[in-house]
Amino acid sequence: MKIAVIGAGAIGSVLAGYLAKSGSDVRLICRPDQLGVLKNKPLVITGVRGKISIKVKAVARLEERVSLIILCVKTQDIYQALKENQQFIKDRLFLSTQNGVQADHILRTFLKEDDIISSIIMFGATYLKPGEVVHNFEGDIIIGRPFIPNDVPLNTIARVLKKTFPVVISKNVLGMKWLKLFVNFNNCLPATLGKPMQETFSDERICSLSIRLLKEGLEIVDKAGIKLVSLPNFPEDRIRGLTAMPIEQAVGIMKQTMTNLSKEPLYGSILQSILRKRKSEIDYINGQIVTLAKNNNLKAPLNELMVKLVHQVEDSGKFLSPEELLQKFN
């Protein structure tokens, strides 16, 4: 099976590298700065599986028809990625990997529903520089058909992906994506501070703010009538219990969890984009709650402020101190 991975960021590089190492025929679609490096050097992945150097075929755009296209750009970059590779995308199987809940709906405006397979990435990775990434922690790849019943092509893709990570097949991948939204909800906080997850959540005041953001988000989702579906190793009750317990207890659990995610510094997807001077996916994470609230005549003031602050950091390049961030919310 010929596989194309579009997007050589953290997730795309890890998937392309591990697929290539397993013997799959992979080509990695890169931006110019990444292409210049990967044309001449192997892709280097460090982290929980040690150091791996693997030569991956790097190209600027699709140059041939492939069996599977794994789309690893951010949600806001989907349109441009499809436009740049439109010559070879028709009637191909697409695997979406984006955070948030909008990617598959965007793809549906360009592709047939039976060409789309959705995935939820539960492993963690960090982009260091072109050709170098860290695989921070292990996790499943959850896949499912977002718009049609699961079928034989889905099972074929599952067998290919199992060469890299454990694969779970879901009958309700869109419902799981709503819960995964809350797994990614805290990415906004290190993004405003410019610090790794571990350092950010060592501050109990920031942990308390994260609980407030989560609680508001869950209230909006519930009032909008959206049903969350438990992830294989992350049940819905975990996040509901966290936001329902006394704040001191919740803060302790949040601190313990977030400061022990990875031995290496973990920056989160939003901060990684900002450090690369690219627009982040904040509008599709916390911003999704803001949009949902507006569409249902509700208010989400905490998450609305957080979205504005992340955009402020994106535009100015200036991070906030913990005290400045907390003062905004006080």
C-alpha atoms as a PDB file:
ATOM      1  CA  MET A   1       0.000   0.000   0.000  1.00  0.00           C
ATOM      2  CA  LYS A   2       1.327   3.413  -0.976  1.00  0.00           C
ATOM      3  CA  ILE A   3       0.744   5.948   1.787  1.00  0.00           C
ATOM      4  CA  ALA A   4       1.078   9.724   1.740  1.00  0.00           C
ATOM      5  CA  VAL A   5       1.315  11.708   4.968  1.00  0.00           C
ATOM      6  CA  ILE A   6       0.450  15.354   4.380  1.00  0.00           C
ATOM      7  CA  GLY A   7       2.043  17.497   7.065  1.00  0.00           C
ATOM      8  CA  ALA A   8       5.490  16.988   8.581  1.00  0.00           C
ATOM      9  CA  GLY A   9       4.754  18.407  12.024  1.00  0.00           C
ATOM     10  CA  ALA A  10       4.845  16.397  15.233  1.00  0.00           C
ATOM     11  CA  ILE A  11       2.072  13.868  14.521  1.00  0.00           C
ATOM     12  CA  GLY A  12       2.755  13.579  10.787  1.00  0.00           C
ATOM     13  CA  SER A  13       6.471  12.979  11.310  1.00  0.00           C
ATOM     14  CA  VAL A  14       5.928  10.328  13.982  1.00  0.00           C
ATOM     15  CA  LEU A  15       3.376   8.458  11.860  1.00  0.00           C
ATOM     16  CA  ALA A  16       5.462   8.700   8.681  1.00  0.00           C
ATOM     17  CA  GLY A  17       8.606   7.606  10.506  1.00  0.00           C
ATOM     18  CA  TYR A  18       7.054   4.611  12.230  1.00  0.00           C
ATOM     19  CA  LEU A  19       5.192   3.541   9.082  1.00  0.00           C
ATOM     20  CA  ALA A  20       8.420   3.729   7.075  1.00  0.00           C
ATOM     21  CA  LYS A  21      10.254   1.777   9.783  1.00  0.00           C
ATOM     22  CA  SER A  22       7.572  -0.935   9.608  1.00  0.00           C
ATOM     23  CA  GLY A  23       8.210  -1.333   5.881  1.00  0.00           C
ATOM     24  CA  SER A  24       5.311   0.688   4.478  1.00  0.00           C
ATOM     25  CA  ASP A  25       5.810   2.644   1.253  1.00  0.00           C
ATOM     26  CA  VAL A  26       5.533   6.206   2.616  1.00  0.00           C
ATOM     27  CA  ARG A  27       5.998   9.667   1.212  1.00  0.00           C
ATOM     28  CA  LEU A  28       5.886  12.696   3.532  1.00  0.00           C
ATOM     29  CA  ILE A  29       4.482  15.950   2.120  1.00  0.00           C
ATOM     30  CA  CYS A  30       6.541  18.790   3.605  1.00  0.00           C
ATOM     31  CA  ARG A  31       6.852  22.540   3.659  1.00  0.00           C
ATOM     32  CA  PRO A  32       9.969  23.963   1.926  1.00  0.00           C
ATOM     33  CA  ASP A  33      12.114  24.265   5.072  1.00  0.00           C
ATOM     34  CA  GLN A  34      11.290  20.691   6.074  1.00  0.00           C
ATOM     35  CA  LEU A  35      11.829  19.395   2.553  1.00  0.00           C
ATOM     36  CA  GLY A  36      15.323  20.884   2.390  1.00  0.00           C
ATOM     37  CA  VAL A  37      16.317  18.931   5.489  1.00  0.00           C
ATOM     38  CA  LEU A  38      14.569  15.621   4.816  1.00  0.00           C
ATOM     39  CA  LYS A  39      15.840  15.386   1.243  1.00  0.00           C
ATOM     40  CA  ASN A  40      19.351  15.024   2.640  1.00  0.00           C
ATOM     41  CA  LYS A  41      18.965  13.624   6.150  1.00  0.00           C
ATOM     42  CA  PRO A  42      16.928  10.921   7.884  1.00  0.00           C
ATOM     43  CA  LEU A  43      13.929  11.795  10.010  1.00  0.00           C
ATOM     44  CA  VAL A  44      14.929  11.627  13.694  1.00  0.00           C
ATOM     45  CA  ILE A  45      12.401  10.598  16.354  1.00  0.00           C
ATOM     46  CA  THR A  46      13.458  10.561  20.007  1.00  0.00           C
ATOM     47  CA  GLY A  47      11.424   9.872  23.127  1.00  0.00           C
ATOM     48  CA  VAL A  48       9.704   6.903  24.714  1.00  0.00           C
ATOM     49  CA  ARG A  49      10.980   4.400  22.140  1.00  0.00           C
ATOM     50  CA  GLY A  50      14.543   5.679  22.204  1.00  0.00           C
ATOM     51  CA  LYS A  51      16.158   7.342  19.195  1.00  0.00           C
ATOM     52  CA  ILE A  52      15.121   6.313  15.699  1.00  0.00           C
ATOM     53  CA  SER A  53      16.639   7.621  12.474  1.00  0.00           C
ATOM     54  CA  ILE A  54      14.701   6.615   9.379  1.00  0.00           C
ATOM     55  CA  LYS A  55      14.934   7.809   5.796  1.00  0.00           C
ATOM     56  CA  VAL A  56      11.531   8.897   4.543  1.00  0.00           C
ATOM     57  CA  LYS A  57      10.711   9.949   1.007  1.00  0.00           C
ATOM     58  CA  ALA A  58      10.031  13.688   1.320  1.00  0.00           C
ATOM     59  CA  VAL A  59       8.215  15.621  -1.402  1.00  0.00           C
ATOM     60  CA  ALA A  60       6.645  19.066  -1.772  1.00  0.00           C
ATOM     61  CA  ARG A  61       3.278  17.707  -2.915  1.00  0.00           C
ATOM     62  CA  LEU A  62       1.608  14.528  -4.097  1.00  0.00           C
ATOM     63  CA  GLU A  63       3.197  13.334  -7.325  1.00  0.00           C
ATOM     64  CA  GLU A  64       1.252  10.101  -7.814  1.00  0.00           C
ATOM     65  CA  ARG A  65      -1.897   8.284  -6.794  1.00  0.00           C
ATOM     66  CA  VAL A  66      -1.636   6.499  -3.457  1.00  0.00           C
ATOM     67  CA  SER A  67      -3.928   4.122  -1.588  1.00  0.00           C
ATOM     68  CA  LEU A  68      -4.181   6.137   1.625  1.00  0.00           C
ATOM     69  CA  ILE A  69      -3.679   9.819   2.456  1.00  0.00           C
ATOM     70  CA  ILE A  70      -3.114  10.626   6.142  1.00  0.00           C
ATOM     71  CA  LEU A  71      -3.909  14.286   6.662  1.00  0.00           C
ATOM     72  CA  CYS A  72      -1.781  15.696   9.490  1.00  0.00           C
ATOM     73  CA  VAL A  73      -2.089  19.442   8.964  1.00  0.00           C
ATOM     74  CA  LYS A  74      -4.041  21.553  11.452  1.00  0.00           C
ATOM     75  CA  THR A  75      -7.771  22.025  10.834  1.00  0.00           C
ATOM     76  CA  GLN A  76      -7.309  25.594   9.602  1.00  0.00           C
ATOM     77  CA  ASP A  77      -4.834  24.353   6.958  1.00  0.00           C
ATOM     78  CA  ILE A  78      -7.001  21.591   5.465  1.00  0.00           C
ATOM     79  CA  TYR A  79      -8.333  23.664   2.573  1.00  0.00           C
ATOM     80  CA  GLN A  80      -4.863  24.752   1.447  1.00  0.00           C
ATOM     81  CA  ALA A  81      -3.470  21.224   1.747  1.00  0.00           C
ATOM     82  CA  LEU A  82      -6.236  19.799  -0.436  1.00  0.00           C
ATOM     83  CA  LYS A  83      -5.848  22.587  -2.971  1.00  0.00           C
ATOM     84  CA  GLU A  84      -2.096  22.034  -3.287  1.00  0.00           C
ATOM     85  CA  ASN A  85      -2.540  18.274  -3.810  1.00  0.00           C
ATOM     86  CA  GLN A  86      -5.845  18.243  -5.673  1.00  0.00           C
ATOM     87  CA  GLN A  87      -4.481  16.455  -8.734  1.00  0.00           C
ATOM     88  CA  PHE A  88      -4.183  13.125  -6.911  1.00  0.00           C
ATOM     89  CA  ILE A  89      -6.785  13.201  -4.117  1.00  0.00           C
ATOM     90  CA  LYS A  90      -9.937  12.205  -5.991  1.00  0.00           C
ATOM     91  CA  ASP A  91     -11.401   8.831  -4.952  1.00  0.00           C
ATOM     92  CA  ARG A  92      -8.633   8.178  -2.423  1.00  0.00           C
ATOM     93  CA  LEU A  93      -9.072   7.080   1.168  1.00  0.00           C
ATOM     94  CA  PHE A  94      -8.382   9.944   3.595  1.00  0.00           C
ATOM     95  CA  LEU A  95      -7.557   9.531   7.275  1.00  0.00           C
ATOM     96  CA  SER A  96      -8.122  12.712   9.296  1.00  0.00           C
ATOM     97  CA  THR A  97      -6.036  13.192  12.462  1.00  0.00           C
ATOM     98  CA  GLN A  98      -6.980  16.695  13.578  1.00  0.00           C
ATOM     99  CA  ASN A  99      -7.952  17.765  17.085  1.00  0.00           C
ATOM    100  CA  GLY A 100     -11.432  19.214  17.537  1.00  0.00           C
ATOM    101  CA  VAL A 101     -14.639  18.140  15.812  1.00  0.00           C
ATOM    102  CA  GLN A 102     -14.683  20.076  12.537  1.00  0.00           C
ATOM    103  CA  ALA A 103     -12.080  18.395  10.317  1.00  0.00           C
ATOM    104  CA  ASP A 104     -14.312  15.623   8.967  1.00  0.00           C
ATOM    105  CA  HIS A 105     -17.118  18.083   8.199  1.00  0.00           C
ATOM    106  CA  ILE A 106     -14.657  20.260   6.273  1.00  0.00           C
ATOM    107  CA  LEU A 107     -13.377  17.230   4.366  1.00  0.00           C
ATOM    108  CA  ARG A 108     -16.947  16.285   3.472  1.00  0.00           C
ATOM    109  CA  THR A 109     -17.243  19.501   1.432  1.00  0.00           C
ATOM    110  CA  PHE A 110     -14.382  18.283  -0.803  1.00  0.00           C
ATOM    111  CA  LEU A 111     -14.602  14.484  -0.679  1.00  0.00           C
ATOM    112  CA  LYS A 112     -17.170  11.718  -0.831  1.00  0.00           C
ATOM    113  CA  GLU A 113     -18.308  10.449   2.562  1.00  0.00           C
ATOM    114  CA  ASP A 114     -17.060   6.927   1.819  1.00  0.00           C
ATOM    115  CA  ASP A 115     -13.541   8.315   1.199  1.00  0.00           C
ATOM    116  CA  ILE A 116     -13.247   9.675   4.763  1.00  0.00           C
ATOM    117  CA  ILE A 117     -11.993   7.787   7.807  1.00  0.00           C
ATOM    118  CA  SER A 118     -11.683   9.718  11.037  1.00  0.00           C
ATOM    119  CA  SER A 119      -9.073   9.156  13.730  1.00  0.00           C
ATOM    120  CA  ILE A 120      -8.305  10.307  17.246  1.00  0.00           C
ATOM    121  CA  ILE A 121      -4.631  10.448  18.141  1.00  0.00           C
ATOM    122  CA  MET A 122      -3.991   9.584  21.778  1.00  0.00           C
ATOM    123  CA  PHE A 123      -0.179   9.530  21.709  1.00  0.00           C
ATOM    124  CA  GLY A 124       1.789  12.718  22.338  1.00  0.00           C
ATOM    125  CA  ALA A 125       4.502  14.271  20.197  1.00  0.00           C
ATOM    126  CA  THR A 126       6.483  17.504  20.002  1.00  0.00           C
ATOM    127  CA  TYR A 127       7.974  19.186  16.943  1.00  0.00           C
ATOM    128  CA  LEU A 128      11.529  20.390  17.600  1.00  0.00           C
ATOM    129  CA  LYS A 129      12.699  21.547  14.177  1.00  0.00           C
ATOM    130  CA  PRO A 130      12.515  20.307  10.570  1.00  0.00           C
ATOM    131  CA  GLY A 131      13.326  16.619  10.566  1.00  0.00           C
ATOM    132  CA  GLU A 132      13.383  16.217  14.367  1.00  0.00           C
ATOM    133  CA  VAL A 133      10.464  15.349  16.667  1.00  0.00           C
ATOM    134  CA  VAL A 134       9.918  13.860  20.107  1.00  0.00           C
ATOM    135  CA  HIS A 135       7.488  11.026  20.752  1.00  0.00           C
ATOM    136  CA  ASN A 136       6.499  12.026  24.299  1.00  0.00           C
ATOM    137  CA  PHE A 137       4.114   9.296  25.367  1.00  0.00           C
ATOM    138  CA  GLU A 138       2.326   6.242  23.983  1.00  0.00           C
ATOM    139  CA  GLY A 139      -1.358   6.006  23.144  1.00  0.00           C
ATOM    140  CA  ASP A 140      -3.924   4.419  20.854  1.00  0.00           C
ATOM    141  CA  ILE A 141      -5.061   5.499  17.433  1.00  0.00           C
ATOM    142  CA  ILE A 142      -8.859   5.372  17.437  1.00  0.00           C
ATOM    143  CA  ILE A 143     -10.452   5.146  14.003  1.00  0.00           C
ATOM    144  CA  GLY A 144     -13.977   5.012  12.642  1.00  0.00           C
ATOM    145  CA  ARG A 145     -16.185   6.064   9.812  1.00  0.00           C
ATOM    146  CA  PRO A 146     -17.719   9.467  10.642  1.00  0.00           C
ATOM    147  CA  PHE A 147     -20.559   9.390   8.115  1.00  0.00           C
ATOM    148  CA  ILE A 148     -21.091   5.774   7.003  1.00  0.00           C
ATOM    149  CA  PRO A 149     -20.937   2.416   8.833  1.00  0.00           C
ATOM    150  CA  ASN A 150     -17.504   0.907   9.436  1.00  0.00           C
ATOM    151  CA  ASP A 151     -16.484  -1.337   6.553  1.00  0.00           C
ATOM    152  CA  VAL A 152     -13.759  -3.485   4.985  1.00  0.00           C
ATOM    153  CA  PRO A 153     -11.542  -0.550   3.859  1.00  0.00           C
ATOM    154  CA  LEU A 154     -11.547   0.721   7.449  1.00  0.00           C
ATOM    155  CA  ASN A 155     -10.351  -2.673   8.692  1.00  0.00           C
ATOM    156  CA  THR A 156      -7.609  -2.676   6.057  1.00  0.00           C
ATOM    157  CA  ILE A 157      -6.363   0.717   7.248  1.00  0.00           C
ATOM    158  CA  ALA A 158      -6.512  -0.515  10.851  1.00  0.00           C
ATOM    159  CA  ARG A 159      -4.152  -3.386   9.988  1.00  0.00           C
ATOM    160  CA  VAL A 160      -1.671  -0.950   8.446  1.00  0.00           C
ATOM    161  CA  LEU A 161      -1.777   1.451  11.406  1.00  0.00           C
ATOM    162  CA  LYS A 162      -1.321  -1.399  13.903  1.00  0.00           C
ATOM    163  CA  LYS A 163       2.283  -1.590  12.714  1.00  0.00           C
ATOM    164  CA  THR A 164       2.845   1.726  14.501  1.00  0.00           C
ATOM    165  CA  PHE A 165       0.413   2.012  17.442  1.00  0.00           C
ATOM    166  CA  PRO A 166      -2.429   0.030  19.043  1.00  0.00           C
ATOM    167  CA  VAL A 167      -5.598   0.680  17.032  1.00  0.00           C
ATOM    168  CA  VAL A 168      -9.128   0.841  18.406  1.00  0.00           C
ATOM    169  CA  ILE A 169     -12.101   0.796  16.030  1.00  0.00           C
ATOM    170  CA  SER A 170     -15.004   2.983  17.153  1.00  0.00           C
ATOM    171  CA  LYS A 171     -18.642   2.851  16.075  1.00  0.00           C
ATOM    172  CA  ASN A 172     -19.120   6.464  17.210  1.00  0.00           C
ATOM    173  CA  VAL A 173     -15.895   8.273  16.455  1.00  0.00           C
ATOM    174  CA  LEU A 174     -17.588  11.689  16.262  1.00  0.00           C
ATOM    175  CA  GLY A 175     -18.952  11.321  19.791  1.00  0.00           C
ATOM    176  CA  MET A 176     -15.480  10.344  20.976  1.00  0.00           C
ATOM    177  CA  LYS A 177     -14.035  13.406  19.259  1.00  0.00           C
ATOM    178  CA  TRP A 178     -16.203  15.637  21.433  1.00  0.00           C
ATOM    179  CA  LEU A 179     -14.674  14.055  24.538  1.00  0.00           C
ATOM    180  CA  LYS A 180     -11.168  14.285  23.029  1.00  0.00           C
ATOM    181  CA  LEU A 181     -11.851  18.014  22.645  1.00  0.00           C
ATOM    182  CA  PHE A 182     -11.692  18.237  26.432  1.00  0.00           C
ATOM    183  CA  VAL A 183      -8.499  16.175  26.564  1.00  0.00           C
ATOM    184  CA  ASN A 184      -6.933  18.948  24.450  1.00  0.00           C
ATOM    185  CA  PHE A 185      -8.682  21.744  26.324  1.00  0.00           C
ATOM    186  CA  ASN A 186      -5.689  22.593  28.510  1.00  0.00           C
ATOM    187  CA  ASN A 187      -3.346  23.204  25.558  1.00  0.00           C
ATOM    188  CA  CYS A 188      -4.398  26.851  25.672  1.00  0.00           C
ATOM    189  CA  LEU A 189      -2.701  27.532  29.009  1.00  0.00           C
ATOM    190  CA  PRO A 190       0.942  26.735  28.141  1.00  0.00           C
ATOM    191  CA  ALA A 191       0.260  28.552  24.860  1.00  0.00           C
ATOM    192  CA  THR A 192      -0.402  31.840  26.666  1.00  0.00           C
ATOM    193  CA  LEU A 193       2.556  31.391  29.029  1.00  0.00           C
ATOM    194  CA  GLY A 194       5.102  30.012  26.555  1.00  0.00           C
ATOM    195  CA  LYS A 195       6.010  27.194  28.927  1.00  0.00           C
ATOM    196  CA  PRO A 196       5.893  23.376  28.764  1.00  0.00           C
ATOM    197  CA  MET A 197       2.897  21.556  30.188  1.00  0.00           C
ATOM    198  CA  GLN A 198       4.924  20.325  33.147  1.00  0.00           C
ATOM    199  CA  GLU A 199       5.993  23.813  34.227  1.00  0.00           C
ATOM    200  CA  THR A 200       2.598  25.364  33.491  1.00  0.00           C
ATOM    201  CA  PHE A 201       0.647  22.930  35.652  1.00  0.00           C
ATOM    202  CA  SER A 202       3.108  22.913  38.518  1.00  0.00           C
ATOM    203  CA  ASP A 203       1.342  26.174  39.450  1.00  0.00           C
ATOM    204  CA  GLU A 204      -1.842  25.260  41.322  1.00  0.00           C
ATOM    205  CA  ARG A 205      -3.417  28.602  40.401  1.00  0.00           C
ATOM    206  CA  ILE A 206      -3.185  27.630  36.717  1.00  0.00           C
ATOM    207  CA  CYS A 207      -4.618  24.199  37.541  1.00  0.00           C
ATOM    208  CA  SER A 208      -7.594  25.929  39.153  1.00  0.00           C
ATOM    209  CA  LEU A 209      -8.126  28.040  36.037  1.00  0.00           C
ATOM    210  CA  SER A 210      -8.009  24.908  33.882  1.00  0.00           C
ATOM    211  CA  ILE A 211     -10.798  23.355  35.978  1.00  0.00           C
ATOM    212  CA  ARG A 212     -12.927  26.473  35.514  1.00  0.00           C
ATOM    213  CA  LEU A 213     -12.443  26.340  31.728  1.00  0.00           C
ATOM    214  CA  LEU A 214     -13.338  22.643  31.621  1.00  0.00           C
ATOM    215  CA  LYS A 215     -16.404  23.114  33.788  1.00  0.00           C
ATOM    216  CA  GLU A 216     -17.749  25.907  31.588  1.00  0.00           C
ATOM    217  CA  GLY A 217     -17.105  23.851  28.458  1.00  0.00           C
ATOM    218  CA  LEU A 218     -18.948  20.823  29.800  1.00  0.00           C
ATOM    219  CA  GLU A 219     -21.922  22.964  30.801  1.00  0.00           C
ATOM    220  CA  ILE A 220     -22.175  24.368  27.266  1.00  0.00           C
ATOM    221  CA  VAL A 221     -21.939  20.910  25.673  1.00  0.00           C
ATOM    222  CA  ASP A 222     -24.631  19.548  27.989  1.00  0.00           C
ATOM    223  CA  LYS A 223     -26.983  22.467  27.382  1.00  0.00           C
ATOM    224  CA  ALA A 224     -26.478  22.065  23.621  1.00  0.00           C
ATOM    225  CA  GLY A 225     -27.539  18.416  23.884  1.00  0.00           C
ATOM    226  CA  ILE A 226     -24.279  16.924  22.660  1.00  0.00           C
ATOM    227  CA  LYS A 227     -23.516  13.411  23.907  1.00  0.00           C
ATOM    228  CA  LEU A 228     -19.930  12.639  24.825  1.00  0.00           C
ATOM    229  CA  VAL A 229     -18.668   9.099  24.197  1.00  0.00           C
ATOM    230  CA  SER A 230     -15.986   7.589  26.424  1.00  0.00           C
ATOM    231  CA  LEU A 231     -12.541   6.971  24.959  1.00  0.00           C
ATOM    232  CA  PRO A 232     -10.987   3.514  25.502  1.00  0.00           C
ATOM    233  CA  ASN A 233      -8.622   4.670  28.265  1.00  0.00           C
ATOM    234  CA  PHE A 234     -10.350   7.922  29.164  1.00  0.00           C
ATOM    235  CA  PRO A 235     -13.958   7.470  30.327  1.00  0.00           C
ATOM    236  CA  GLU A 236     -16.382  10.386  30.273  1.00  0.00           C
ATOM    237  CA  ASP A 237     -16.817  10.035  34.032  1.00  0.00           C
ATOM    238  CA  ARG A 238     -13.179  10.976  34.576  1.00  0.00           C
ATOM    239  CA  ILE A 239     -13.610  14.517  33.338  1.00  0.00           C
ATOM    240  CA  ARG A 240     -17.087  14.915  34.821  1.00  0.00           C
ATOM    241  CA  GLY A 241     -15.842  13.705  38.177  1.00  0.00           C
ATOM    242  CA  LEU A 242     -12.893  16.089  38.019  1.00  0.00           C
ATOM    243  CA  THR A 243     -15.109  19.127  37.484  1.00  0.00           C
ATOM    244  CA  ALA A 244     -17.653  18.031  40.100  1.00  0.00           C
ATOM    245  CA  MET A 245     -15.292  17.383  43.023  1.00  0.00           C
ATOM    246  CA  PRO A 246     -14.091  20.063  45.480  1.00  0.00           C
ATOM    247  CA  ILE A 247     -11.710  22.453  43.730  1.00  0.00           C
ATOM    248  CA  GLU A 248      -8.756  21.689  46.016  1.00  0.00           C
ATOM    249  CA  GLN A 249      -9.019  17.977  45.228  1.00  0.00           C
ATOM    250  CA  ALA A 250      -9.456  18.626  41.492  1.00  0.00           C
ATOM    251  CA  VAL A 251      -6.421  20.909  41.447  1.00  0.00           C
ATOM    252  CA  GLY A 252      -4.290  18.202  43.047  1.00  0.00           C
ATOM    253  CA  ILE A 253      -5.315  15.629  40.471  1.00  0.00           C
ATOM    254  CA  MET A 254      -4.803  18.057  37.573  1.00  0.00           C
ATOM    255  CA  LYS A 255      -1.330  18.973  38.832  1.00  0.00           C
ATOM    256  CA  GLN A 256      -0.304  15.349  39.322  1.00  0.00           C
ATOM    257  CA  THR A 257      -1.599  14.303  35.891  1.00  0.00           C
ATOM    258  CA  MET A 258      -0.234  17.147  33.794  1.00  0.00           C
ATOM    259  CA  THR A 259       3.217  17.339  35.366  1.00  0.00           C
ATOM    260  CA  ASN A 260       3.823  13.632  34.775  1.00  0.00           C
ATOM    261  CA  LEU A 261       2.730  13.317  31.147  1.00  0.00           C
ATOM    262  CA  SER A 262       6.237  13.017  29.732  1.00  0.00           C
ATOM    263  CA  LYS A 263       9.897  12.960  30.773  1.00  0.00           C
ATOM    264  CA  GLU A 264      10.690  15.383  27.966  1.00  0.00           C
ATOM    265  CA  PRO A 265       9.142  18.894  27.871  1.00  0.00           C
ATOM    266  CA  LEU A 266       5.653  18.716  26.361  1.00  0.00           C
ATOM    267  CA  TYR A 267       4.407  21.937  24.804  1.00  0.00           C
ATOM    268  CA  GLY A 268       0.951  21.065  23.509  1.00  0.00           C
ATOM    269  CA  SER A 269      -0.302  21.541  19.958  1.00  0.00           C
ATOM    270  CA  ILE A 270      -1.298  25.201  20.315  1.00  0.00           C
ATOM    271  CA  LEU A 271       2.024  26.403  21.727  1.00  0.00           C
ATOM    272  CA  GLN A 272       3.932  24.348  19.158  1.00  0.00           C
ATOM    273  CA  SER A 273       2.184  26.264  16.382  1.00  0.00           C
ATOM    274  CA  ILE A 274       2.908  29.611  18.037  1.00  0.00           C
ATOM    275  CA  LEU A 275       6.587  28.748  18.459  1.00  0.00           C
ATOM    276  CA  ARG A 276       6.692  27.935  14.747  1.00  0.00           C
ATOM    277  CA  LYS A 277       5.072  31.350  14.075  1.00  0.00           C
ATOM    278  CA  ARG A 278       1.973  29.729  12.636  1.00  0.00           C
ATOM    279  CA  LYS A 279      -1.695  30.185  13.479  1.00  0.00           C
ATOM    280  CA  SER A 280      -2.866  27.733  16.105  1.00  0.00           C
ATOM    281  CA  GLU A 281      -5.968  25.552  16.321  1.00  0.00           C
ATOM    282  CA  ILE A 282      -7.423  27.453  19.283  1.00  0.00           C
ATOM    283  CA  ASP A 283     -10.585  28.314  17.302  1.00  0.00           C
ATOM    284  CA  TYR A 284     -11.258  24.575  16.930  1.00  0.00           C
ATOM    285  CA  ILE A 285     -10.618  23.671  20.594  1.00  0.00           C
ATOM    286  CA  ASN A 286     -11.753  26.242  23.166  1.00  0.00           C
ATOM    287  CA  GLY A 287     -13.163  28.279  20.289  1.00  0.00           C
ATOM    288  CA  GLN A 288     -15.463  25.376  19.438  1.00  0.00           C
ATOM    289  CA  ILE A 289     -17.147  25.850  22.803  1.00  0.00           C
ATOM    290  CA  VAL A 290     -17.495  29.584  22.162  1.00  0.00           C
ATOM    291  CA  THR A 291     -19.130  28.911  18.783  1.00  0.00           C
ATOM    292  CA  LEU A 292     -21.406  26.256  20.276  1.00  0.00           C
ATOM    293  CA  ALA A 293     -22.490  28.681  22.989  1.00  0.00           C
ATOM    294  CA  LYS A 294     -23.318  31.430  20.501  1.00  0.00           C
ATOM    295  CA  ASN A 295     -25.259  29.029  18.294  1.00  0.00           C
ATOM    296  CA  ASN A 296     -27.406  28.050  21.295  1.00  0.00           C
ATOM    297  CA  ASN A 297     -27.877  31.557  22.758  1.00  0.00           C
ATOM    298  CA  LEU A 298     -25.533  30.728  25.628  1.00  0.00           C
ATOM    299  CA  LYS A 299     -22.423  32.418  26.994  1.00  0.00           C
ATOM    300  CA  ALA A 300     -18.916  31.027  27.519  1.00  0.00           C
ATOM    301  CA  PRO A 301     -17.026  34.043  28.893  1.00  0.00           C
ATOM    302  CA  LEU A 302     -14.019  32.147  30.258  1.00  0.00           C
ATOM    303  CA  ASN A 303     -13.302  30.259  27.054  1.00  0.00           C
ATOM    304  CA  GLU A 304     -14.068  33.320  24.950  1.00  0.00           C
ATOM    305  CA  LEU A 305     -11.439  35.275  26.874  1.00  0.00           C
ATOM    306  CA  MET A 306      -8.966  32.406  26.548  1.00  0.00           C
ATOM    307  CA  VAL A 307      -9.394  32.337  22.765  1.00  0.00           C
ATOM    308  CA  LYS A 308      -8.785  36.100  22.612  1.00  0.00           C
ATOM    309  CA  LEU A 309      -5.639  35.795  24.725  1.00  0.00           C
ATOM    310  CA  VAL A 310      -4.185  33.033  22.564  1.00  0.00           C
ATOM    311  CA  HIS A 311      -4.802  35.124  19.454  1.00  0.00           C
ATOM    312  CA  GLN A 312      -3.168  38.055  21.227  1.00  0.00           C
ATOM    313  CA  VAL A 313      -0.050  35.968  21.835  1.00  0.00           C
ATOM    314  CA  GLU A 314      -0.096  34.732  18.229  1.00  0.00           C
ATOM    315  CA  ASP A 315      -0.229  38.283  16.892  1.00  0.00           C
ATOM    316  CA  SER A 316       2.194  39.927  19.303  1.00  0.00           C
ATOM    317  CA  GLY A 317       4.676  37.120  19.943  1.00  0.00           C
ATOM    318  CA  LYS A 318       4.629  38.129  23.621  1.00  0.00           C
ATOM    319  CA  PHE A 319       3.711  35.574  26.260  1.00  0.00           C
ATOM    320  CA  LEU A 320       1.974  36.405  29.515  1.00  0.00           C
ATOM    321  CA  SER A 321       3.307  35.776  33.001  1.00  0.00           C
ATOM    322  CA  PRO A 322       1.169  33.547  35.248  1.00  0.00           C
ATOM    323  CA  GLU A 323       0.227  36.640  37.251  1.00  0.00           C
ATOM    324  CA  GLU A 324      -0.861  38.530  34.116  1.00  0.00           C
ATOM    325  CA  LEU A 325      -2.912  35.573  32.923  1.00  0.00           C
ATOM    326  CA  LEU A 326      -4.650  35.098  36.251  1.00  0.00           C
ATOM    327  CA  GLN A 327      -5.365  38.824  36.547  1.00  0.00           C
ATOM    328  CA  LYS A 328      -7.205  38.711  33.209  1.00  0.00           C
ATOM    329  CA  PHE A 329      -9.559  36.074  34.614  1.00  0.00           C
ATOM    330  CA  ASN A 330      -9.974  37.678  38.010  1.00  0.00           C
END
